[in-house]
Amino acid sequence: MRYLFVVVAALFVMALSACDRPTEVVTPANPNAVVVVPATGPAGAQGAQGAQGVTGKGETGATGMTGAEGAQGEQGNKGNQGNKGNQGNQGNQGNPGE
């Protein structure tokens, strides 16, 4: 509370001291000075159209080299021999003649 009175008193002193200053009036140096602004003239005629640029054409690239031939593959293993077939049944003996 005692600090509040000190702050209020300081603000009161500052407010009163601000009122004692004289007001400064700034006047322009020469109120009749003329500012010259150059006027622009009419637009000129449109220029001629430029020439069309040259179309570039690149050369065709060279044909690539043929690739090397691949290595020959290995020969496969010989197959196993097949099983021998079963022997056929013997035929019946004929009847003896009469």
PDB file of N, CA and C in Angstrom:
ATOM      1  N   MET A   1       0.827  -1.189   0.000  1.00  0.00           N
ATOM      2  CA  MET A   1       0.000   0.000   0.000  1.00  0.00           C
ATOM      3  C   MET A   1       0.871   1.251   0.000  1.00  0.00           C
ATOM      4  N   ARG A   2       1.958   1.225   0.761  1.00  0.00           N
ATOM      5  CA  ARG A   2       2.800   2.421   0.809  1.00  0.00           C
ATOM      6  C   ARG A   2       3.479   2.653  -0.538  1.00  0.00           C
ATOM      7  N   TYR A   3       3.742   1.553  -1.297  1.00  0.00           N
ATOM      8  CA  TYR A   3       4.350   1.732  -2.610  1.00  0.00           C
ATOM      9  C   TYR A   3       3.355   2.344  -3.596  1.00  0.00           C
ATOM     10  N   LEU A   4       2.093   2.097  -3.396  1.00  0.00           N
ATOM     11  CA  LEU A   4       1.063   2.650  -4.277  1.00  0.00           C
ATOM     12  C   LEU A   4       1.075   4.166  -4.215  1.00  0.00           C
ATOM     13  N   PHE A   5       1.233   4.711  -3.008  1.00  0.00           N
ATOM     14  CA  PHE A   5       1.255   6.172  -2.874  1.00  0.00           C
ATOM     15  C   PHE A   5       2.486   6.763  -3.553  1.00  0.00           C
ATOM     16  N   VAL A   6       3.619   6.062  -3.483  1.00  0.00           N
ATOM     17  CA  VAL A   6       4.842   6.550  -4.129  1.00  0.00           C
ATOM     18  C   VAL A   6       4.664   6.566  -5.642  1.00  0.00           C
ATOM     19  N   VAL A   7       4.050   5.514  -6.191  1.00  0.00           N
ATOM     20  CA  VAL A   7       3.839   5.439  -7.645  1.00  0.00           C
ATOM     21  C   VAL A   7       2.871   6.518  -8.089  1.00  0.00           C
ATOM     22  N   VAL A   8       1.786   6.718  -7.335  1.00  0.00           N
ATOM     23  CA  VAL A   8       0.790   7.742  -7.706  1.00  0.00           C
ATOM     24  C   VAL A   8       1.419   9.121  -7.652  1.00  0.00           C
ATOM     25  N   ALA A   9       2.245   9.382  -6.643  1.00  0.00           N
ATOM     26  CA  ALA A   9       2.893  10.689  -6.517  1.00  0.00           C
ATOM     27  C   ALA A   9       3.846  10.925  -7.681  1.00  0.00           C
ATOM     28  N   ALA A  10       4.603   9.885  -8.084  1.00  0.00           N
ATOM     29  CA  ALA A  10       5.535  10.032  -9.199  1.00  0.00           C
ATOM     30  C   ALA A  10       4.788  10.315 -10.498  1.00  0.00           C
ATOM     31  N   LEU A  11       3.680   9.637 -10.727  1.00  0.00           N
ATOM     32  CA  LEU A  11       2.872   9.891 -11.934  1.00  0.00           C
ATOM     33  C   LEU A  11       2.288  11.301 -11.923  1.00  0.00           C
ATOM     34  N   PHE A  12       1.892  11.787 -10.765  1.00  0.00           N
ATOM     35  CA  PHE A  12       1.314  13.131 -10.647  1.00  0.00           C
ATOM     36  C   PHE A  12       2.359  14.177 -10.985  1.00  0.00           C
ATOM     37  N   VAL A  13       3.595  13.985 -10.491  1.00  0.00           N
ATOM     38  CA  VAL A  13       4.674  14.942 -10.776  1.00  0.00           C
ATOM     39  C   VAL A  13       5.002  14.933 -12.260  1.00  0.00           C
ATOM     40  N   MET A  14       5.043  13.793 -12.865  1.00  0.00           N
ATOM     41  CA  MET A  14       5.348  13.712 -14.296  1.00  0.00           C
ATOM     42  C   MET A  14       4.241  14.341 -15.129  1.00  0.00           C
ATOM     43  N   ALA A  15       2.999  14.171 -14.725  1.00  0.00           N
ATOM     44  CA  ALA A  15       1.890  14.758 -15.473  1.00  0.00           C
ATOM     45  C   ALA A  15       1.935  16.277 -15.409  1.00  0.00           C
ATOM     46  N   LEU A  16       2.281  16.814 -14.268  1.00  0.00           N
ATOM     47  CA  LEU A  16       2.344  18.273 -14.149  1.00  0.00           C
ATOM     48  C   LEU A  16       3.537  18.839 -14.901  1.00  0.00           C
ATOM     49  N   SER A  17       4.652  18.154 -14.912  1.00  0.00           N
ATOM     50  CA  SER A  17       5.834  18.662 -15.617  1.00  0.00           C
ATOM     51  C   SER A  17       5.639  18.613 -17.130  1.00  0.00           C
ATOM     52  N   ALA A  18       4.830  17.723 -17.626  1.00  0.00           N
ATOM     53  CA  ALA A  18       4.571  17.636 -19.065  1.00  0.00           C
ATOM     54  C   ALA A  18       3.748  18.811 -19.539  1.00  0.00           C
ATOM     55  N   CYS A  19       2.938  19.390 -18.679  1.00  0.00           N
ATOM     56  CA  CYS A  19       2.083  20.513 -19.072  1.00  0.00           C
ATOM     57  C   CYS A  19       2.861  21.805 -19.176  1.00  0.00           C
ATOM     58  N   ASP A  20       4.067  21.903 -18.573  1.00  0.00           N
ATOM     59  CA  ASP A  20       4.819  23.148 -18.546  1.00  0.00           C
ATOM     60  C   ASP A  20       5.603  23.393 -19.828  1.00  0.00           C
ATOM     61  N   ARG A  21       5.738  22.430 -20.671  1.00  0.00           N
ATOM     62  CA  ARG A  21       6.534  22.613 -21.872  1.00  0.00           C
ATOM     63  C   ARG A  21       5.782  23.431 -22.913  1.00  0.00           C
ATOM     64  N   PRO A  22       6.489  24.320 -23.623  1.00  0.00           N
ATOM     65  CA  PRO A  22       5.815  25.089 -24.679  1.00  0.00           C
ATOM     66  C   PRO A  22       5.591  24.210 -25.922  1.00  0.00           C
ATOM     67  N   THR A  23       4.537  24.471 -26.638  1.00  0.00           N
ATOM     68  CA  THR A  23       4.204  23.721 -27.848  1.00  0.00           C
ATOM     69  C   THR A  23       5.017  24.260 -29.013  1.00  0.00           C
ATOM     70  N   GLU A  24       5.663  23.377 -29.773  1.00  0.00           N
ATOM     71  CA  GLU A  24       6.455  23.790 -30.934  1.00  0.00           C
ATOM     72  C   GLU A  24       5.604  23.656 -32.186  1.00  0.00           C
ATOM     73  N   VAL A  25       5.621  24.699 -33.025  1.00  0.00           N
ATOM     74  CA  VAL A  25       4.871  24.695 -34.271  1.00  0.00           C
ATOM     75  C   VAL A  25       5.869  24.600 -35.412  1.00  0.00           C
ATOM     76  N   VAL A  26       5.683  23.630 -36.276  1.00  0.00           N
ATOM     77  CA  VAL A  26       6.571  23.431 -37.417  1.00  0.00           C
ATOM     78  C   VAL A  26       5.894  24.013 -38.637  1.00  0.00           C
ATOM     79  N   THR A  27       6.555  24.974 -39.281  1.00  0.00           N
ATOM     80  CA  THR A  27       6.004  25.589 -40.495  1.00  0.00           C
ATOM     81  C   THR A  27       6.843  25.135 -41.679  1.00  0.00           C
ATOM     82  N   PRO A  28       6.227  24.988 -42.835  1.00  0.00           N
ATOM     83  CA  PRO A  28       7.000  24.594 -44.005  1.00  0.00           C
ATOM     84  C   PRO A  28       7.962  25.711 -44.417  1.00  0.00           C
ATOM     85  N   ALA A  29       9.087  25.312 -45.023  1.00  0.00           N
ATOM     86  CA  ALA A  29      10.116  26.277 -45.406  1.00  0.00           C
ATOM     87  C   ALA A  29       9.599  27.275 -46.429  1.00  0.00           C
ATOM     88  N   ASN A  30       8.930  26.815 -47.483  1.00  0.00           N
ATOM     89  CA  ASN A  30       8.418  27.713 -48.520  1.00  0.00           C
ATOM     90  C   ASN A  30       7.083  27.171 -48.991  1.00  0.00           C
ATOM     91  N   PRO A  31       5.980  27.737 -48.550  1.00  0.00           N
ATOM     92  CA  PRO A  31       4.679  27.200 -48.962  1.00  0.00           C
ATOM     93  C   PRO A  31       4.373  27.435 -50.433  1.00  0.00           C
ATOM     94  N   ASN A  32       5.109  28.336 -51.111  1.00  0.00           N
ATOM     95  CA  ASN A  32       4.830  28.649 -52.519  1.00  0.00           C
ATOM     96  C   ASN A  32       5.755  27.881 -53.466  1.00  0.00           C
ATOM     97  N   ALA A  33       6.429  26.864 -52.984  1.00  0.00           N
ATOM     98  CA  ALA A  33       7.349  26.117 -53.834  1.00  0.00           C
ATOM     99  C   ALA A  33       6.556  25.334 -54.878  1.00  0.00           C
ATOM    100  N   VAL A  34       7.065  25.323 -56.108  1.00  0.00           N
ATOM    101  CA  VAL A  34       6.413  24.642 -57.219  1.00  0.00           C
ATOM    102  C   VAL A  34       7.164  23.339 -57.498  1.00  0.00           C
ATOM    103  N   VAL A  35       6.435  22.296 -57.535  1.00  0.00           N
ATOM    104  CA  VAL A  35       7.030  20.999 -57.862  1.00  0.00           C
ATOM    105  C   VAL A  35       6.744  20.710 -59.325  1.00  0.00           C
ATOM    106  N   VAL A  36       7.805  20.485 -60.108  1.00  0.00           N
ATOM    107  CA  VAL A  36       7.664  20.254 -61.547  1.00  0.00           C
ATOM    108  C   VAL A  36       7.587  18.751 -61.782  1.00  0.00           C
ATOM    109  N   VAL A  37       6.493  18.353 -62.409  1.00  0.00           N
ATOM    110  CA  VAL A  37       6.302  16.945 -62.751  1.00  0.00           C
ATOM    111  C   VAL A  37       6.289  16.855 -64.263  1.00  0.00           C
ATOM    112  N   PRO A  38       7.210  16.111 -64.871  1.00  0.00           N
ATOM    113  CA  PRO A  38       7.227  16.034 -66.333  1.00  0.00           C
ATOM    114  C   PRO A  38       5.995  15.301 -66.856  1.00  0.00           C
ATOM    115  N   ALA A  39       5.414  15.852 -67.918  1.00  0.00           N
ATOM    116  CA  ALA A  39       4.238  15.240 -68.536  1.00  0.00           C
ATOM    117  C   ALA A  39       4.708  14.202 -69.556  1.00  0.00           C
ATOM    118  N   THR A  40       3.983  13.114 -69.645  1.00  0.00           N
ATOM    119  CA  THR A  40       4.341  12.085 -70.621  1.00  0.00           C
ATOM    120  C   THR A  40       3.679  12.394 -71.941  1.00  0.00           C
ATOM    121  N   GLY A  41       4.387  12.081 -73.020  1.00  0.00           N
ATOM    122  CA  GLY A  41       3.859  12.342 -74.359  1.00  0.00           C
ATOM    123  C   GLY A  41       3.030  11.166 -74.844  1.00  0.00           C
ATOM    124  N   PRO A  42       2.516  11.261 -76.059  1.00  0.00           N
ATOM    125  CA  PRO A  42       1.713  10.165 -76.605  1.00  0.00           C
ATOM    126  C   PRO A  42       2.604   8.939 -76.877  1.00  0.00           C
ATOM    127  N   ALA A  43       1.999   7.797 -76.915  1.00  0.00           N
ATOM    128  CA  ALA A  43       2.732   6.555 -77.167  1.00  0.00           C
ATOM    129  C   ALA A  43       3.225   6.529 -78.605  1.00  0.00           C
ATOM    130  N   GLY A  44       4.395   5.952 -78.816  1.00  0.00           N
ATOM    131  CA  GLY A  44       4.970   5.853 -80.147  1.00  0.00           C
ATOM    132  C   GLY A  44       4.336   4.711 -80.938  1.00  0.00           C
ATOM    133  N   ALA A  45       4.715   4.636 -82.204  1.00  0.00           N
ATOM    134  CA  ALA A  45       4.177   3.582 -83.074  1.00  0.00           C
ATOM    135  C   ALA A  45       4.746   2.228 -82.650  1.00  0.00           C
ATOM    136  N   GLN A  46       3.962   1.180 -82.922  1.00  0.00           N
ATOM    137  CA  GLN A  46       4.401  -0.159 -82.560  1.00  0.00           C
ATOM    138  C   GLN A  46       5.520  -0.600 -83.482  1.00  0.00           C
ATOM    139  N   GLY A  47       6.510  -1.278 -82.936  1.00  0.00           N
ATOM    140  CA  GLY A  47       7.648  -1.741 -83.730  1.00  0.00           C
ATOM    141  C   GLY A  47       7.278  -2.923 -84.611  1.00  0.00           C
ATOM    142  N   ALA A  48       8.138  -3.194 -85.593  1.00  0.00           N
ATOM    143  CA  ALA A  48       7.897  -4.304 -86.511  1.00  0.00           C
ATOM    144  C   ALA A  48       8.074  -5.631 -85.777  1.00  0.00           C
ATOM    145  N   GLN A  49       7.390  -6.648 -86.288  1.00  0.00           N
ATOM    146  CA  GLN A  49       7.469  -7.962 -85.663  1.00  0.00           C
ATOM    147  C   GLN A  49       8.822  -8.588 -85.974  1.00  0.00           C
ATOM    148  N   GLY A  50       9.403  -9.234 -84.987  1.00  0.00           N
ATOM    149  CA  GLY A  50      10.703  -9.868 -85.175  1.00  0.00           C
ATOM    150  C   GLY A  50      10.604 -11.114 -86.033  1.00  0.00           C
ATOM    151  N   ALA A  51      11.742 -11.495 -86.619  1.00  0.00           N
ATOM    152  CA  ALA A  51      11.789 -12.690 -87.472  1.00  0.00           C
ATOM    153  C   ALA A  51      11.700 -13.943 -86.606  1.00  0.00           C
ATOM    154  N   GLN A  52      11.131 -14.997 -87.194  1.00  0.00           N
ATOM    155  CA  GLN A  52      10.980 -16.250 -86.464  1.00  0.00           C
ATOM    156  C   GLN A  52      12.338 -16.935 -86.351  1.00  0.00           C
ATOM    157  N   GLY A  53      12.596 -17.511 -85.213  1.00  0.00           N
ATOM    158  CA  GLY A  53      13.874 -18.182 -84.990  1.00  0.00           C
ATOM    159  C   GLY A  53      13.989 -19.465 -85.796  1.00  0.00           C
ATOM    160  N   VAL A  54      15.223 -19.886 -86.012  1.00  0.00           N
ATOM    161  CA  VAL A  54      15.502 -21.094 -86.780  1.00  0.00           C
ATOM    162  C   VAL A  54      15.194 -22.313 -85.915  1.00  0.00           C
ATOM    163  N   THR A  55      14.575 -23.312 -86.522  1.00  0.00           N
ATOM    164  CA  THR A  55      14.278 -24.547 -85.808  1.00  0.00           C
ATOM    165  C   THR A  55      15.526 -25.421 -85.834  1.00  0.00           C
ATOM    166  N   GLY A  56      15.965 -25.843 -84.694  1.00  0.00           N
ATOM    167  CA  GLY A  56      17.168 -26.687 -84.632  1.00  0.00           C
ATOM    168  C   GLY A  56      16.833 -28.144 -84.922  1.00  0.00           C
ATOM    169  N   LYS A  57      17.733 -28.818 -85.620  1.00  0.00           N
ATOM    170  CA  LYS A  57      17.534 -30.238 -85.912  1.00  0.00           C
ATOM    171  C   LYS A  57      18.814 -30.955 -85.530  1.00  0.00           C
ATOM    172  N   GLY A  58      18.711 -31.842 -84.573  1.00  0.00           N
ATOM    173  CA  GLY A  58      19.886 -32.610 -84.164  1.00  0.00           C
ATOM    174  C   GLY A  58      20.131 -33.774 -85.101  1.00  0.00           C
ATOM    175  N   GLU A  59      21.378 -34.255 -85.114  1.00  0.00           N
ATOM    176  CA  GLU A  59      21.721 -35.399 -85.949  1.00  0.00           C
ATOM    177  C   GLU A  59      21.257 -36.683 -85.273  1.00  0.00           C
ATOM    178  N   THR A  60      20.949 -37.684 -86.106  1.00  0.00           N
ATOM    179  CA  THR A  60      20.540 -38.974 -85.574  1.00  0.00           C
ATOM    180  C   THR A  60      21.754 -39.665 -84.985  1.00  0.00           C
ATOM    181  N   GLY A  61      21.581 -40.292 -83.857  1.00  0.00           N
ATOM    182  CA  GLY A  61      22.691 -40.980 -83.195  1.00  0.00           C
ATOM    183  C   GLY A  61      23.124 -42.222 -83.961  1.00  0.00           C
ATOM    184  N   ALA A  62      24.371 -42.651 -83.735  1.00  0.00           N
ATOM    185  CA  ALA A  62      24.925 -43.828 -84.401  1.00  0.00           C
ATOM    186  C   ALA A  62      24.284 -45.094 -83.845  1.00  0.00           C
ATOM    187  N   THR A  63      24.239 -46.134 -84.666  1.00  0.00           N
ATOM    188  CA  THR A  63      23.672 -47.416 -84.239  1.00  0.00           C
ATOM    189  C   THR A  63      24.613 -48.074 -83.255  1.00  0.00           C
ATOM    190  N   GLY A  64      24.072 -48.680 -82.236  1.00  0.00           N
ATOM    191  CA  GLY A  64      24.897 -49.337 -81.222  1.00  0.00           C
ATOM    192  C   GLY A  64      25.513 -50.627 -81.735  1.00  0.00           C
ATOM    193  N   MET A  65      26.537 -51.106 -81.030  1.00  0.00           N
ATOM    194  CA  MET A  65      27.230 -52.337 -81.415  1.00  0.00           C
ATOM    195  C   MET A  65      26.375 -53.543 -81.055  1.00  0.00           C
ATOM    196  N   THR A  66      26.540 -54.630 -81.839  1.00  0.00           N
ATOM    197  CA  THR A  66      25.839 -55.873 -81.556  1.00  0.00           C
ATOM    198  C   THR A  66      26.473 -56.524 -80.343  1.00  0.00           C
ATOM    199  N   GLY A  67      25.673 -57.108 -79.501  1.00  0.00           N
ATOM    200  CA  GLY A  67      26.188 -57.744 -78.300  1.00  0.00           C
ATOM    201  C   GLY A  67      26.953 -59.027 -78.608  1.00  0.00           C
ATOM    202  N   ALA A  68      27.830 -59.431 -77.693  1.00  0.00           N
ATOM    203  CA  ALA A  68      28.627 -60.643 -77.866  1.00  0.00           C
ATOM    204  C   ALA A  68      27.732 -61.877 -77.762  1.00  0.00           C
ATOM    205  N   GLU A  69      28.138 -62.974 -78.436  1.00  0.00           N
ATOM    206  CA  GLU A  69      27.358 -64.202 -78.404  1.00  0.00           C
ATOM    207  C   GLU A  69      27.542 -64.864 -77.043  1.00  0.00           C
ATOM    208  N   GLY A  70      26.496 -65.420 -76.509  1.00  0.00           N
ATOM    209  CA  GLY A  70      26.555 -66.067 -75.212  1.00  0.00           C
ATOM    210  C   GLY A  70      27.335 -67.376 -75.247  1.00  0.00           C
ATOM    211  N   ALA A  71      27.770 -67.848 -74.096  1.00  0.00           N
ATOM    212  CA  ALA A  71      28.522 -69.108 -73.993  1.00  0.00           C
ATOM    213  C   ALA A  71      27.611 -70.293 -74.301  1.00  0.00           C
ATOM    214  N   GLN A  72      28.207 -71.391 -74.841  1.00  0.00           N
ATOM    215  CA  GLN A  72      27.415 -72.566 -75.187  1.00  0.00           C
ATOM    216  C   GLN A  72      27.024 -73.288 -73.909  1.00  0.00           C
ATOM    217  N   GLY A  73      25.817 -73.793 -73.856  1.00  0.00           N
ATOM    218  CA  GLY A  73      25.333 -74.516 -72.690  1.00  0.00           C
ATOM    219  C   GLY A  73      25.952 -75.905 -72.573  1.00  0.00           C
ATOM    220  N   GLU A  74      25.886 -76.484 -71.403  1.00  0.00           N
ATOM    221  CA  GLU A  74      26.440 -77.824 -71.181  1.00  0.00           C
ATOM    222  C   GLU A  74      25.490 -78.881 -71.730  1.00  0.00           C
ATOM    223  N   GLN A  75      26.065 -80.037 -72.172  1.00  0.00           N
ATOM    224  CA  GLN A  75      25.245 -81.110 -72.722  1.00  0.00           C
ATOM    225  C   GLN A  75      24.606 -81.865 -71.564  1.00  0.00           C
ATOM    226  N   GLY A  76      23.376 -82.298 -71.734  1.00  0.00           N
ATOM    227  CA  GLY A  76      22.657 -83.023 -70.695  1.00  0.00           C
ATOM    228  C   GLY A  76      23.169 -84.447 -70.500  1.00  0.00           C
ATOM    229  N   ASN A  77      22.862 -85.088 -69.386  1.00  0.00           N
ATOM    230  CA  ASN A  77      23.262 -86.480 -69.094  1.00  0.00           C
ATOM    231  C   ASN A  77      22.475 -87.451 -69.977  1.00  0.00           C
ATOM    232  N   LYS A  78      23.114 -88.601 -70.293  1.00  0.00           N
ATOM    233  CA  LYS A  78      22.456 -89.617 -71.116  1.00  0.00           C
ATOM    234  C   LYS A  78      21.394 -90.290 -70.257  1.00  0.00           C
ATOM    235  N   GLY A  79      20.251 -90.556 -70.806  1.00  0.00           N
ATOM    236  CA  GLY A  79      19.163 -91.196 -70.066  1.00  0.00           C
ATOM    237  C   GLY A  79      19.449 -92.661 -69.741  1.00  0.00           C
ATOM    238  N   ASN A  80      18.832 -93.203 -68.726  1.00  0.00           N
ATOM    239  CA  ASN A  80      18.982 -94.619 -68.349  1.00  0.00           C
ATOM    240  C   ASN A  80      18.279 -95.510 -69.372  1.00  0.00           C
ATOM    241  N   GLN A  81      18.785 -96.762 -69.502  1.00  0.00           N
ATOM    242  CA  GLN A  81      18.181 -97.694 -70.454  1.00  0.00           C
ATOM    243  C   GLN A  81      16.860 -98.178 -69.874  1.00  0.00           C
ATOM    244  N   GLY A  82      15.873 -98.359 -70.709  1.00  0.00           N
ATOM    245  CA  GLY A  82      14.561 -98.795 -70.262  1.00  0.00           C
ATOM    246  C   GLY A  82      14.562-100.258 -69.804  1.00  0.00           C
ATOM    247  N   ASN A  83      13.574-100.676 -69.031  1.00  0.00           N
ATOM    248  CA  ASN A  83      13.442-102.062 -68.559  1.00  0.00           C
ATOM    249  C   ASN A  83      13.086-102.990 -69.727  1.00  0.00           C
ATOM    250  N   LYS A  84      13.542-104.243 -69.623  1.00  0.00           N
ATOM    251  CA  LYS A  84      13.247-105.213 -70.665  1.00  0.00           C
ATOM    252  C   LYS A  84      11.813-105.667 -70.481  1.00  0.00           C
ATOM    253  N   GLY A  85      11.104-105.885 -71.552  1.00  0.00           N
ATOM    254  CA  GLY A  85       9.706-106.311 -71.480  1.00  0.00           C
ATOM    255  C   GLY A  85       9.558-107.747 -70.964  1.00  0.00           C
ATOM    256  N   ASN A  86       8.410-108.106 -70.412  1.00  0.00           N
ATOM    257  CA  ASN A  86       8.142-109.473 -69.923  1.00  0.00           C
ATOM    258  C   ASN A  86       7.982-110.432 -71.104  1.00  0.00           C
ATOM    259  N   GLN A  87       8.363-111.673 -70.848  1.00  0.00           N
ATOM    260  CA  GLN A  87       8.240-112.674 -71.910  1.00  0.00           C
ATOM    261  C   GLN A  87       6.769-113.052 -72.034  1.00  0.00           C
ATOM    262  N   GLY A  88       6.322-113.303 -73.236  1.00  0.00           N
ATOM    263  CA  GLY A  88       4.932-113.671 -73.473  1.00  0.00           C
ATOM    264  C   GLY A  88       4.614-115.092 -72.983  1.00  0.00           C
ATOM    265  N   ASN A  89       3.351-115.405 -72.785  1.00  0.00           N
ATOM    266  CA  ASN A  89       2.911-116.744 -72.350  1.00  0.00           C
ATOM    267  C   ASN A  89       3.085-117.751 -73.500  1.00  0.00           C
ATOM    268  N   GLN A  90       3.374-118.977 -73.122  1.00  0.00           N
ATOM    269  CA  GLN A  90       3.559-120.016 -74.134  1.00  0.00           C
ATOM    270  C   GLN A  90       2.173-120.424 -74.640  1.00  0.00           C
ATOM    271  N   GLY A  91       2.065-120.698 -75.883  1.00  0.00           N
ATOM    272  CA  GLY A  91       0.807-121.096 -76.482  1.00  0.00           C
ATOM    273  C   GLY A  91       0.379-122.529 -76.058  1.00  0.00           C
ATOM    274  N   ASN A  92      -0.920-122.880 -76.219  1.00  0.00           N
ATOM    275  CA  ASN A  92      -1.428-124.215 -75.881  1.00  0.00           C
ATOM    276  C   ASN A  92      -1.001-125.216 -76.954  1.00  0.00           C
ATOM    277  N   GLN A  93      -0.783-126.408 -76.486  1.00  0.00           N
ATOM    278  CA  GLN A  93      -0.413-127.461 -77.445  1.00  0.00           C
ATOM    279  C   GLN A  93      -1.690-127.948 -78.119  1.00  0.00           C
ATOM    280  N   GLY A  94      -1.616-128.224 -79.370  1.00  0.00           N
ATOM    281  CA  GLY A  94      -2.796-128.673 -80.103  1.00  0.00           C
ATOM    282  C   GLY A  94      -3.181-130.116 -79.774  1.00  0.00           C
ATOM    283  N   ASN A  95      -4.423-130.541 -80.106  1.00  0.00           N
ATOM    284  CA  ASN A  95      -4.890-131.902 -79.858  1.00  0.00           C
ATOM    285  C   ASN A  95      -4.179-132.871 -80.849  1.00  0.00           C
ATOM    286  N   PRO A  96      -3.915-134.067 -80.374  1.00  0.00           N
ATOM    287  CA  PRO A  96      -3.319-135.027 -81.310  1.00  0.00           C
ATOM    288  C   PRO A  96      -4.355-135.475 -82.360  1.00  0.00           C
ATOM    289  N   GLY A  97      -3.944-135.703 -83.469  1.00  0.00           N
ATOM    290  CA  GLY A  97      -4.810-136.103 -84.556  1.00  0.00           C
ATOM    291  C   GLY A  97      -5.512-137.437 -84.312  1.00  0.00           C
ATOM    292  N   GLU A  98      -6.670-137.711 -84.843  1.00  0.00           N
ATOM    293  CA  GLU A  98      -7.406-138.949 -84.588  1.00  0.00           C
ATOM    294  C   GLU A  98      -7.370-139.862 -85.742  1.00  0.00           C
TER     295      GLU A  98
END
